[in-house]
Amino acid sequence: MCYNTEPDYILSAEMIDIWLCQLSHQQEKENDFFAQLCDEEMRRAKRFKFAIHRSRFIASHGFTRTVLSHYLKTEPALINYRKGKQGKPYLVNINRSDVSHLQFNLSHTEDIAILVITQGAEIGVDIECNERKTDWQWIVQRFFTESEQKCLFALPEDQQKAAFFELWTRKEAYMKVLGTGLSLAPTEFSLTVPPEKPALIKHHSTTYPALEQVEFKTLKMPESFNHYCASLAVATTISKCRFYQFS
């Protein structure tokens, strides 16, 4: 997968831009990034106990504001968000009609952040480090549906952990495209299990209705980030994705 560094910042219909950022490479920009944050983001940054977590938060949100500023043709500090009921951020007070329906979503883990941007459709993304230490078998039994558990544990043992992380990114991306966060229990919908192509099998929540349309895409990582996996969910047809690496 080739991630470019020279975007044109113009989105046509059904086009999705995907941005990767290595957070540790943004250290020299930390003061500038912090100055771009809104008051709430500044307060959140100051609450981190450990410097590395604070730096990653500042870098991921500064990266997001910097990239969005090019699409919106405004200063990063002037970008305004409003959060939905479950905390999903949306852009507000956009003065240009050609980007008035711009949608975005951010995810970050360890040293990598991923930002996805499109026009006019709800979108969600999640990224995970598949080398992260976690009791993944317990998570599968606690948060995956019976059909997902059956399919995952039917895989060869040496493939199960990687499949778990990829399936978890699919489930997180789906919850984010719906805008529900974890208020929609991960057991209230079933998805295909890797190596199957990502797709929704069943949505059986009585609280949150399913979308009329949702498409998924497994996002390939550059070779240097091959210990990460990411998934995209979007409430429209995925016709074209462009991949960029922030520098």
Protein backbone atom coordinates (compact mmCIF):
# COMPACT_ATOMS: atom_id res chain seq x y z
CA MET A 1 0.00 0.00 0.00
CA CYS A 2 1.41 3.40 -1.04
CA TYR A 3 0.70 6.33 1.28
CA ASN A 4 1.26 9.64 -0.49
CA THR A 5 2.42 12.91 1.02
CA GLU A 6 1.06 15.42 -1.55
CA PRO A 7 -2.77 15.61 -1.33
CA ASP A 8 -4.98 18.02 -3.24
CA TYR A 9 -7.53 18.38 -0.37
CA ILE A 10 -10.50 18.24 -2.76
CA LEU A 11 -13.06 15.51 -2.08
CA SER A 12 -15.50 14.39 -4.74
CA ALA A 13 -18.65 12.41 -3.93
CA GLU A 14 -18.09 8.98 -2.36
CA MET A 15 -14.33 9.61 -2.05
CA ILE A 16 -12.60 8.90 1.26
CA ASP A 17 -9.24 10.27 2.33
CA ILE A 18 -7.27 8.24 4.86
CA TRP A 19 -4.43 9.84 6.80
CA LEU A 20 -1.80 8.14 8.95
CA CYS A 21 0.37 9.97 11.46
CA GLN A 22 3.30 8.63 13.49
CA LEU A 23 2.85 10.56 16.71
CA SER A 24 6.45 10.28 17.95
CA HIS A 25 7.58 12.15 14.82
CA GLN A 26 5.56 15.23 15.84
CA GLN A 27 7.41 16.09 19.04
CA GLU A 28 8.94 19.28 17.67
CA LYS A 29 5.43 20.52 16.84
CA GLU A 30 3.94 19.87 20.28
CA ASN A 31 3.85 23.50 21.43
CA ASP A 32 2.29 24.64 18.16
CA PHE A 33 -0.23 21.80 18.25
CA PHE A 34 -1.18 22.58 21.85
CA ALA A 35 -1.83 26.22 20.95
CA GLN A 36 -4.32 25.08 18.26
CA LEU A 37 -6.48 23.07 20.67
CA CYS A 38 -9.80 24.29 22.00
CA ASP A 39 -10.23 24.88 25.73
CA GLU A 40 -11.74 21.44 26.34
CA GLU A 41 -8.90 19.69 24.50
CA MET A 42 -6.34 21.69 26.48
CA ARG A 43 -7.99 20.65 29.75
CA ARG A 44 -8.01 17.01 28.68
CA ALA A 45 -4.34 17.18 27.70
CA LYS A 46 -3.36 18.61 31.08
CA ARG A 47 -5.15 15.81 32.94
CA PHE A 48 -2.86 13.05 31.62
CA LYS A 49 -0.60 11.69 34.34
CA PHE A 50 2.17 10.50 32.06
CA ALA A 51 3.99 12.76 29.60
CA ILE A 52 3.92 10.20 26.75
CA HIS A 53 0.13 9.95 26.90
CA ARG A 54 -0.21 13.74 27.01
CA SER A 55 2.13 14.13 24.03
CA ARG A 56 0.24 11.52 22.00
CA PHE A 57 -3.08 13.22 22.72
CA ILE A 58 -1.75 16.63 21.69
CA ALA A 59 -0.10 15.23 18.56
CA SER A 60 -3.19 13.29 17.42
CA HIS A 61 -5.54 16.25 17.87
CA GLY A 62 -3.07 18.75 16.44
CA PHE A 63 -2.58 16.48 13.44
CA THR A 64 -6.36 16.28 12.99
CA ARG A 65 -6.82 20.04 13.14
CA THR A 66 -3.91 20.65 10.77
CA VAL A 67 -5.21 18.24 8.13
CA LEU A 68 -8.81 19.47 8.39
CA SER A 69 -7.64 23.08 8.10
CA HIS A 70 -6.41 22.39 4.55
CA TYR A 71 -9.80 21.03 3.44
CA LEU A 72 -11.66 23.85 5.18
CA LYS A 73 -9.14 26.55 4.20
CA THR A 74 -9.05 28.01 7.68
CA GLU A 75 -6.66 28.15 10.62
CA PRO A 76 -6.46 24.95 12.74
CA ALA A 77 -7.36 26.84 15.93
CA LEU A 78 -10.56 28.19 14.32
CA ILE A 79 -12.05 24.76 13.61
CA ASN A 80 -15.11 24.13 15.77
CA TYR A 81 -16.47 20.76 16.83
CA ARG A 82 -19.76 19.79 18.38
CA LYS A 83 -20.20 16.39 20.01
CA GLY A 84 -23.20 14.13 19.48
CA LYS A 85 -25.04 12.48 22.35
CA GLN A 86 -22.43 9.72 22.59
CA GLY A 87 -19.42 11.99 22.12
CA LYS A 88 -18.77 11.68 18.39
CA PRO A 89 -17.39 15.02 17.11
CA TYR A 90 -18.90 16.92 14.18
CA LEU A 91 -17.72 20.06 12.44
CA VAL A 92 -19.87 23.17 12.92
CA ASN A 93 -19.93 26.75 11.64
CA ILE A 94 -18.50 25.89 8.22
CA ASN A 95 -18.87 28.86 5.88
CA ARG A 96 -18.02 27.17 2.55
CA SER A 97 -20.76 25.24 0.76
CA ASP A 98 -18.33 22.85 -0.94
CA VAL A 99 -17.23 21.40 2.42
CA SER A 100 -20.42 22.01 4.43
CA HIS A 101 -21.03 18.25 4.74
CA LEU A 102 -17.47 17.22 5.55
CA GLN A 103 -17.37 14.26 7.96
CA PHE A 104 -14.34 12.93 9.79
CA ASN A 105 -13.31 10.40 12.40
CA LEU A 106 -10.09 9.88 14.37
CA SER A 107 -8.61 6.86 16.08
CA HIS A 108 -5.23 6.43 17.72
CA THR A 109 -3.36 3.70 19.57
CA GLU A 110 0.21 3.52 20.79
CA ASP A 111 2.31 5.62 18.34
CA ILE A 112 -0.13 5.82 15.40
CA ALA A 113 -3.18 7.97 14.67
CA ILE A 114 -5.51 7.50 11.72
CA LEU A 115 -7.92 10.12 10.39
CA VAL A 116 -10.62 9.49 7.77
CA ILE A 117 -12.48 12.24 5.90
CA THR A 118 -15.39 12.16 3.47
CA GLN A 119 -18.30 14.26 2.22
CA GLY A 120 -21.87 13.83 3.39
CA ALA A 121 -21.80 10.34 4.93
CA GLU A 122 -21.30 9.12 8.47
CA ILE A 123 -17.90 7.50 8.84
CA GLY A 124 -16.00 5.58 11.50
CA VAL A 125 -12.49 4.19 11.83
CA ASP A 126 -10.53 2.22 14.38
CA ILE A 127 -6.88 1.21 14.62
CA GLU A 128 -5.26 -1.27 16.98
CA CYS A 129 -1.74 -2.49 17.68
CA ASN A 130 -1.88 -6.26 17.30
CA GLU A 131 1.21 -6.66 19.50
CA ARG A 132 -0.54 -5.01 22.47
CA LYS A 133 -0.66 -7.21 25.54
CA THR A 134 -4.27 -7.96 26.42
CA ASP A 135 -6.43 -10.85 27.58
CA TRP A 136 -7.98 -11.11 24.15
CA GLN A 137 -9.66 -14.48 24.78
CA TRP A 138 -11.62 -12.95 27.68
CA ILE A 139 -12.62 -9.98 25.50
CA VAL A 140 -13.87 -12.35 22.80
CA GLN A 141 -16.00 -14.27 25.30
CA ARG A 142 -17.30 -11.08 26.93
CA PHE A 143 -17.93 -8.78 23.95
CA PHE A 144 -18.30 -10.91 20.81
CA THR A 145 -21.48 -12.62 19.70
CA GLU A 146 -21.84 -16.37 19.75
CA SER A 147 -21.45 -16.60 15.97
CA GLU A 148 -18.33 -14.41 16.04
CA GLN A 149 -16.79 -16.51 18.84
CA LYS A 150 -17.53 -19.73 16.97
CA CYS A 151 -15.92 -18.50 13.76
CA LEU A 152 -12.88 -17.00 15.48
CA PHE A 153 -12.08 -20.03 17.63
CA ALA A 154 -12.52 -22.30 14.61
CA LEU A 155 -9.45 -20.66 13.04
CA PRO A 156 -6.00 -22.19 13.51
CA GLU A 157 -4.64 -21.11 16.90
CA ASP A 158 -1.78 -19.13 15.39
CA GLN A 159 -4.30 -16.97 13.45
CA GLN A 160 -6.77 -16.27 16.24
CA LYS A 161 -5.08 -13.32 17.95
CA ALA A 162 -4.56 -11.37 14.70
CA ALA A 163 -8.17 -12.12 13.71
CA PHE A 164 -9.35 -10.86 17.09
CA PHE A 165 -7.67 -7.48 16.68
CA GLU A 166 -8.94 -7.04 13.14
CA LEU A 167 -12.49 -8.01 14.13
CA TRP A 168 -12.32 -5.60 17.08
CA THR A 169 -11.43 -2.74 14.71
CA ARG A 170 -14.43 -3.68 12.55
CA LYS A 171 -16.75 -3.59 15.56
CA GLU A 172 -15.35 -0.28 16.84
CA ALA A 173 -15.64 1.29 13.36
CA TYR A 174 -19.26 0.13 13.13
CA MET A 175 -20.15 1.64 16.52
CA LYS A 176 -18.44 4.87 15.49
CA VAL A 177 -20.24 5.16 12.16
CA LEU A 178 -23.51 4.77 14.06
CA GLY A 179 -22.34 7.42 16.53
CA THR A 180 -23.26 5.27 19.52
CA GLY A 181 -19.92 4.51 21.09
CA LEU A 182 -20.07 1.69 23.63
CA SER A 183 -23.67 2.55 24.50
CA LEU A 184 -24.40 0.05 21.73
CA ALA A 185 -23.19 -3.22 23.19
CA PRO A 186 -20.75 -5.06 20.89
CA THR A 187 -22.94 -8.16 21.33
CA GLU A 188 -25.91 -6.37 19.71
CA PHE A 189 -24.56 -6.89 16.20
CA SER A 190 -22.59 -9.56 14.37
CA LEU A 191 -19.89 -9.06 11.77
CA THR A 192 -17.91 -11.41 9.58
CA VAL A 193 -14.67 -12.71 11.07
CA PRO A 194 -11.31 -12.37 9.29
CA PRO A 195 -10.11 -13.61 6.89
CA GLU A 196 -13.63 -13.14 5.51
CA LYS A 197 -14.32 -9.81 3.81
CA PRO A 198 -15.77 -7.36 6.38
CA ALA A 199 -19.55 -7.13 6.38
CA LEU A 200 -22.51 -6.76 8.72
CA ILE A 201 -24.32 -10.06 9.30
CA LYS A 202 -26.98 -9.00 11.78
CA HIS A 203 -27.97 -5.91 13.77
CA HIS A 204 -30.35 -6.79 16.58
CA SER A 205 -30.30 -3.74 18.84
CA THR A 206 -33.74 -2.51 19.91
CA THR A 207 -32.29 0.84 21.04
CA TYR A 208 -30.30 1.88 18.00
CA PRO A 209 -31.63 1.18 14.48
CA ALA A 210 -29.35 -0.16 11.81
CA LEU A 211 -28.21 2.06 8.96
CA GLU A 212 -29.86 1.58 5.58
CA GLN A 213 -26.41 1.08 4.11
CA VAL A 214 -22.99 0.47 5.59
CA GLU A 215 -19.83 -0.66 3.88
CA PHE A 216 -16.57 -1.78 5.47
CA LYS A 217 -12.99 -1.74 4.33
CA THR A 218 -9.90 -3.32 5.86
CA LEU A 219 -7.18 -0.68 5.64
CA LYS A 220 -3.75 -1.92 4.64
CA MET A 221 -0.88 -0.49 6.64
CA PRO A 222 2.50 0.57 5.25
CA GLU A 223 5.21 -2.03 5.81
CA SER A 224 6.75 -0.07 8.70
CA PHE A 225 3.36 -0.17 10.48
CA ASN A 226 2.55 -3.82 9.78
CA HIS A 227 1.96 -4.54 13.49
CA TYR A 228 -1.12 -2.31 13.33
CA CYS A 229 -4.50 -3.10 11.81
CA ALA A 230 -7.37 -0.74 10.98
CA SER A 231 -10.91 -0.88 9.67
CA LEU A 232 -13.21 1.67 8.09
CA ALA A 233 -17.02 1.78 8.14
CA VAL A 234 -19.03 4.28 6.13
CA ALA A 235 -22.73 4.84 5.47
CA THR A 236 -22.36 5.01 1.71
CA THR A 237 -20.68 3.26 -1.19
CA ILE A 238 -16.90 3.21 -1.03
CA SER A 239 -15.90 4.11 -4.56
CA LYS A 240 -12.38 5.46 -4.05
CA CYS A 241 -9.94 5.78 -1.16
CA ARG A 242 -6.83 7.93 -1.17
CA PHE A 243 -4.06 7.21 1.33
CA TYR A 244 -1.76 9.83 2.80
CA GLN A 245 0.98 9.91 5.42
CA PHE A 246 1.27 13.06 7.53
CA SER A 247 4.75 14.48 7.93
